[in-house]
Amino acid sequence: MFSSFGTMASSQHVYEIRPREDRRGFDLIGDCLPLGLLWLEGPDAFGDAIYYAKFFSRLHTAIIRVFDESGTVVETLEFAGDFLRVVNISALPAIPAY
């Protein structure tokens, strides 16, 4: 897993959703993805990033960290099966609602 995330259980998949520098969508980053990185653009890019992370982690707990353009974590989501738990949300997220 990513070294910046610290120690975690091997049954957890950790993902990052980051806005692209060229402002053309989002990057979904995770070592459980086939290529490690997935670029999503279009009006549903953010929701699609969450969908892909859930799909690739369907048998494991998924932790998804959402970053803003400055690199600050604005939201952390935890999926376990169909259950969603929002761990933290910043006051002013810089991402579209999903």
N, C-alpha and C. Protein backbone atom coordinates (compact mmCIF):
# COMPACT_ATOMS: atom_id res chain seq x y z
N MET A 1 0.84 -1.19 0.00
CA MET A 1 0.00 0.00 0.00
C MET A 1 0.87 1.24 0.00
N PHE A 2 0.26 2.40 -0.01
CA PHE A 2 0.99 3.65 -0.02
C PHE A 2 1.64 3.91 1.33
N SER A 3 2.91 4.31 1.32
CA SER A 3 3.61 4.52 2.58
C SER A 3 3.08 5.72 3.35
N SER A 4 2.49 6.70 2.67
CA SER A 4 2.00 7.89 3.37
C SER A 4 0.73 7.61 4.18
N PHE A 5 0.11 6.45 4.00
CA PHE A 5 -1.11 6.14 4.70
C PHE A 5 -0.85 5.42 6.02
N GLY A 6 0.39 5.07 6.30
CA GLY A 6 0.69 4.41 7.56
C GLY A 6 0.34 2.95 7.52
N THR A 7 0.32 2.31 8.67
CA THR A 7 0.03 0.89 8.78
C THR A 7 -1.47 0.66 8.66
N MET A 8 -1.85 -0.36 7.88
CA MET A 8 -3.26 -0.67 7.73
C MET A 8 -3.41 -2.16 7.48
N ALA A 9 -4.59 -2.64 7.66
CA ALA A 9 -4.86 -4.05 7.44
C ALA A 9 -4.77 -4.38 5.96
N SER A 10 -4.33 -5.59 5.64
CA SER A 10 -4.17 -5.98 4.25
C SER A 10 -5.51 -6.14 3.54
N SER A 11 -6.61 -6.23 4.28
CA SER A 11 -7.91 -6.38 3.66
C SER A 11 -8.52 -5.04 3.27
N GLN A 12 -7.83 -3.96 3.54
CA GLN A 12 -8.32 -2.64 3.16
C GLN A 12 -7.67 -2.20 1.85
N HIS A 13 -8.46 -1.59 1.00
CA HIS A 13 -7.93 -0.97 -0.21
C HIS A 13 -8.04 0.54 -0.01
N VAL A 14 -6.97 1.24 -0.27
CA VAL A 14 -6.93 2.69 -0.06
C VAL A 14 -6.78 3.37 -1.41
N TYR A 15 -7.61 4.38 -1.65
CA TYR A 15 -7.60 5.12 -2.90
C TYR A 15 -7.50 6.61 -2.62
N GLU A 16 -7.03 7.33 -3.61
CA GLU A 16 -7.02 8.78 -3.58
C GLU A 16 -7.77 9.28 -4.81
N ILE A 17 -8.58 10.30 -4.62
CA ILE A 17 -9.21 11.00 -5.74
C ILE A 17 -8.65 12.41 -5.71
N ARG A 18 -7.96 12.76 -6.78
CA ARG A 18 -7.32 14.07 -6.87
C ARG A 18 -7.75 14.78 -8.15
N PRO A 19 -8.04 16.09 -8.07
CA PRO A 19 -8.33 16.82 -9.29
C PRO A 19 -7.06 16.90 -10.15
N ARG A 20 -7.23 16.79 -11.45
CA ARG A 20 -6.09 16.87 -12.36
C ARG A 20 -5.59 18.31 -12.44
N GLU A 21 -4.28 18.45 -12.61
CA GLU A 21 -3.69 19.79 -12.72
C GLU A 21 -4.23 20.54 -13.92
N ASP A 22 -4.56 19.82 -15.00
CA ASP A 22 -5.09 20.47 -16.20
C ASP A 22 -6.59 20.74 -16.10
N ARG A 23 -7.18 20.46 -14.93
CA ARG A 23 -8.61 20.69 -14.64
C ARG A 23 -9.54 19.92 -15.59
N ARG A 24 -9.07 18.77 -16.08
CA ARG A 24 -9.88 17.95 -16.98
C ARG A 24 -10.31 16.67 -16.29
N GLY A 25 -10.91 16.79 -15.13
CA GLY A 25 -11.42 15.63 -14.43
C GLY A 25 -10.62 15.31 -13.18
N PHE A 26 -10.62 14.02 -12.85
CA PHE A 26 -10.00 13.54 -11.62
C PHE A 26 -9.11 12.34 -11.92
N ASP A 27 -8.08 12.17 -11.08
CA ASP A 27 -7.28 10.96 -11.09
C ASP A 27 -7.72 10.10 -9.92
N LEU A 28 -7.96 8.82 -10.18
CA LEU A 28 -8.21 7.85 -9.13
C LEU A 28 -6.93 7.04 -9.00
N ILE A 29 -6.32 7.07 -7.83
CA ILE A 29 -5.04 6.44 -7.60
C ILE A 29 -5.23 5.34 -6.57
N GLY A 30 -4.73 4.15 -6.87
CA GLY A 30 -4.81 3.04 -5.94
C GLY A 30 -4.00 1.86 -6.44
N ASP A 31 -3.29 1.19 -5.56
CA ASP A 31 -2.46 0.09 -6.01
C ASP A 31 -3.27 -1.16 -6.33
N CYS A 32 -4.58 -1.15 -6.08
CA CYS A 32 -5.43 -2.28 -6.44
C CYS A 32 -6.01 -2.12 -7.83
N LEU A 33 -5.83 -0.96 -8.44
CA LEU A 33 -6.30 -0.74 -9.81
C LEU A 33 -5.35 -1.43 -10.78
N PRO A 34 -5.85 -1.89 -11.92
CA PRO A 34 -4.99 -2.62 -12.86
C PRO A 34 -3.73 -1.85 -13.28
N LEU A 35 -3.82 -0.55 -13.46
CA LEU A 35 -2.66 0.24 -13.88
C LEU A 35 -2.18 1.20 -12.79
N GLY A 36 -2.81 1.18 -11.63
CA GLY A 36 -2.42 2.05 -10.53
C GLY A 36 -3.04 3.42 -10.58
N LEU A 37 -3.48 3.87 -11.77
CA LEU A 37 -4.04 5.20 -11.93
C LEU A 37 -5.15 5.14 -12.98
N LEU A 38 -6.22 5.84 -12.73
CA LEU A 38 -7.32 5.91 -13.67
C LEU A 38 -7.71 7.37 -13.81
N TRP A 39 -7.77 7.87 -15.04
CA TRP A 39 -8.14 9.24 -15.31
C TRP A 39 -9.60 9.26 -15.72
N LEU A 40 -10.39 10.08 -15.02
CA LEU A 40 -11.82 10.18 -15.31
C LEU A 40 -12.15 11.64 -15.60
N GLU A 41 -12.94 11.87 -16.65
CA GLU A 41 -13.37 13.23 -16.95
C GLU A 41 -14.83 13.22 -17.36
N GLY A 42 -15.42 14.37 -17.44
CA GLY A 42 -16.82 14.49 -17.80
C GLY A 42 -17.65 14.91 -16.60
N PRO A 43 -18.95 15.10 -16.82
CA PRO A 43 -19.81 15.60 -15.75
C PRO A 43 -19.96 14.64 -14.57
N ASP A 44 -19.75 13.34 -14.79
CA ASP A 44 -19.90 12.36 -13.73
C ASP A 44 -18.56 11.81 -13.25
N ALA A 45 -17.47 12.51 -13.51
CA ALA A 45 -16.13 12.00 -13.22
C ALA A 45 -15.95 11.66 -11.74
N PHE A 46 -16.41 12.51 -10.85
CA PHE A 46 -16.22 12.26 -9.43
C PHE A 46 -17.00 11.03 -8.97
N GLY A 47 -18.24 10.94 -9.35
CA GLY A 47 -19.05 9.77 -9.01
C GLY A 47 -18.51 8.50 -9.63
N ASP A 48 -17.98 8.60 -10.86
CA ASP A 48 -17.38 7.44 -11.50
C ASP A 48 -16.14 6.98 -10.76
N ALA A 49 -15.35 7.91 -10.23
CA ALA A 49 -14.15 7.55 -9.47
C ALA A 49 -14.54 6.76 -8.22
N ILE A 50 -15.58 7.18 -7.54
CA ILE A 50 -16.04 6.46 -6.35
C ILE A 50 -16.57 5.08 -6.76
N TYR A 51 -17.31 5.02 -7.87
CA TYR A 51 -17.84 3.74 -8.35
C TYR A 51 -16.71 2.76 -8.64
N TYR A 52 -15.68 3.19 -9.35
CA TYR A 52 -14.55 2.31 -9.68
C TYR A 52 -13.85 1.83 -8.42
N ALA A 53 -13.63 2.72 -7.47
CA ALA A 53 -12.97 2.32 -6.22
C ALA A 53 -13.81 1.26 -5.49
N LYS A 54 -15.11 1.45 -5.44
CA LYS A 54 -15.99 0.47 -4.81
C LYS A 54 -15.96 -0.86 -5.58
N PHE A 55 -15.95 -0.78 -6.92
CA PHE A 55 -15.96 -1.99 -7.74
C PHE A 55 -14.69 -2.82 -7.52
N PHE A 56 -13.53 -2.17 -7.54
CA PHE A 56 -12.27 -2.90 -7.39
C PHE A 56 -12.06 -3.38 -5.95
N SER A 57 -12.87 -2.92 -5.02
CA SER A 57 -12.74 -3.33 -3.61
C SER A 57 -13.98 -4.04 -3.12
N ARG A 58 -14.74 -4.61 -4.00
CA ARG A 58 -16.04 -5.17 -3.60
C ARG A 58 -15.97 -6.25 -2.53
N LEU A 59 -14.82 -6.90 -2.37
CA LEU A 59 -14.69 -7.92 -1.32
C LEU A 59 -13.90 -7.41 -0.12
N HIS A 60 -13.51 -6.16 -0.13
CA HIS A 60 -12.68 -5.58 0.92
C HIS A 60 -13.25 -4.24 1.36
N THR A 61 -12.79 -3.77 2.49
CA THR A 61 -13.12 -2.42 2.92
C THR A 61 -12.33 -1.45 2.05
N ALA A 62 -12.99 -0.41 1.58
CA ALA A 62 -12.33 0.60 0.76
C ALA A 62 -12.31 1.92 1.51
N ILE A 63 -11.16 2.52 1.57
CA ILE A 63 -11.02 3.86 2.13
C ILE A 63 -10.66 4.78 0.98
N ILE A 64 -11.45 5.81 0.80
CA ILE A 64 -11.25 6.75 -0.30
C ILE A 64 -11.00 8.12 0.28
N ARG A 65 -9.84 8.68 -0.03
CA ARG A 65 -9.49 10.02 0.42
C ARG A 65 -9.63 10.97 -0.76
N VAL A 66 -10.38 12.03 -0.57
CA VAL A 66 -10.62 13.02 -1.60
C VAL A 66 -9.78 14.25 -1.29
N PHE A 67 -9.02 14.69 -2.26
CA PHE A 67 -8.12 15.83 -2.10
C PHE A 67 -8.63 17.01 -2.91
N ASP A 68 -8.31 18.22 -2.44
CA ASP A 68 -8.60 19.41 -3.23
C ASP A 68 -7.37 19.77 -4.06
N GLU A 69 -7.44 20.89 -4.79
CA GLU A 69 -6.35 21.29 -5.67
C GLU A 69 -5.06 21.61 -4.93
N SER A 70 -5.14 21.97 -3.64
CA SER A 70 -3.94 22.30 -2.88
C SER A 70 -3.30 21.06 -2.25
N GLY A 71 -3.93 19.90 -2.39
CA GLY A 71 -3.38 18.67 -1.84
C GLY A 71 -3.87 18.35 -0.44
N THR A 72 -4.88 19.07 0.03
CA THR A 72 -5.44 18.85 1.36
C THR A 72 -6.58 17.83 1.27
N VAL A 73 -6.63 16.91 2.22
CA VAL A 73 -7.73 15.94 2.28
C VAL A 73 -8.99 16.70 2.69
N VAL A 74 -10.02 16.65 1.85
CA VAL A 74 -11.27 17.35 2.16
C VAL A 74 -12.36 16.38 2.61
N GLU A 75 -12.17 15.10 2.31
CA GLU A 75 -13.18 14.12 2.69
C GLU A 75 -12.54 12.74 2.72
N THR A 76 -12.97 11.92 3.64
CA THR A 76 -12.56 10.53 3.71
C THR A 76 -13.81 9.68 3.78
N LEU A 77 -13.92 8.73 2.86
CA LEU A 77 -15.07 7.84 2.80
C LEU A 77 -14.60 6.43 3.09
N GLU A 78 -15.41 5.66 3.79
CA GLU A 78 -15.08 4.26 4.05
C GLU A 78 -16.26 3.40 3.62
N PHE A 79 -16.00 2.46 2.72
CA PHE A 79 -17.02 1.56 2.24
C PHE A 79 -16.73 0.16 2.75
N ALA A 80 -17.73 -0.49 3.28
CA ALA A 80 -17.65 -1.89 3.67
C ALA A 80 -18.92 -2.55 3.15
N GLY A 81 -18.82 -3.22 2.01
CA GLY A 81 -20.00 -3.75 1.35
C GLY A 81 -20.84 -2.60 0.82
N ASP A 82 -22.10 -2.56 1.20
CA ASP A 82 -22.97 -1.47 0.78
C ASP A 82 -23.00 -0.32 1.78
N PHE A 83 -22.27 -0.46 2.85
CA PHE A 83 -22.29 0.55 3.92
C PHE A 83 -21.27 1.64 3.62
N LEU A 84 -21.69 2.90 3.71
CA LEU A 84 -20.82 4.05 3.53
C LEU A 84 -20.73 4.80 4.84
N ARG A 85 -19.51 5.10 5.23
CA ARG A 85 -19.30 5.93 6.42
C ARG A 85 -18.42 7.09 6.01
N VAL A 86 -18.89 8.30 6.23
CA VAL A 86 -18.10 9.49 5.96
C VAL A 86 -17.29 9.77 7.21
N VAL A 87 -15.96 9.71 7.08
CA VAL A 87 -15.10 9.84 8.24
C VAL A 87 -14.86 11.30 8.57
N ASN A 88 -14.57 12.12 7.57
CA ASN A 88 -14.40 13.56 7.81
C ASN A 88 -14.74 14.33 6.56
N ILE A 89 -15.20 15.54 6.75
CA ILE A 89 -15.50 16.45 5.65
C ILE A 89 -14.99 17.82 6.05
N SER A 90 -14.29 18.49 5.15
CA SER A 90 -13.84 19.85 5.45
C SER A 90 -15.03 20.81 5.31
N ALA A 91 -14.85 22.00 5.78
CA ALA A 91 -15.93 23.00 5.75
C ALA A 91 -16.27 23.42 4.34
N LEU A 92 -15.31 23.56 3.47
CA LEU A 92 -15.56 24.02 2.11
C LEU A 92 -14.90 23.08 1.09
N PRO A 93 -15.53 21.96 0.77
CA PRO A 93 -14.92 21.05 -0.20
C PRO A 93 -14.82 21.72 -1.58
N ALA A 94 -13.73 21.45 -2.27
CA ALA A 94 -13.49 22.03 -3.59
C ALA A 94 -13.85 21.07 -4.70
N ILE A 95 -14.76 20.13 -4.41
CA ILE A 95 -15.14 19.13 -5.38
C ILE A 95 -16.65 19.19 -5.59
N PRO A 96 -17.12 18.72 -6.73
CA PRO A 96 -18.57 18.73 -6.95
C PRO A 96 -19.26 17.72 -6.07
N ALA A 97 -20.54 17.96 -5.78
CA ALA A 97 -21.33 17.02 -4.98
C ALA A 97 -21.55 15.75 -5.79
N TYR A 98 -21.70 14.65 -5.12
CA TYR A 98 -21.94 13.38 -5.81
C TYR A 98 -23.21 12.76 -5.32
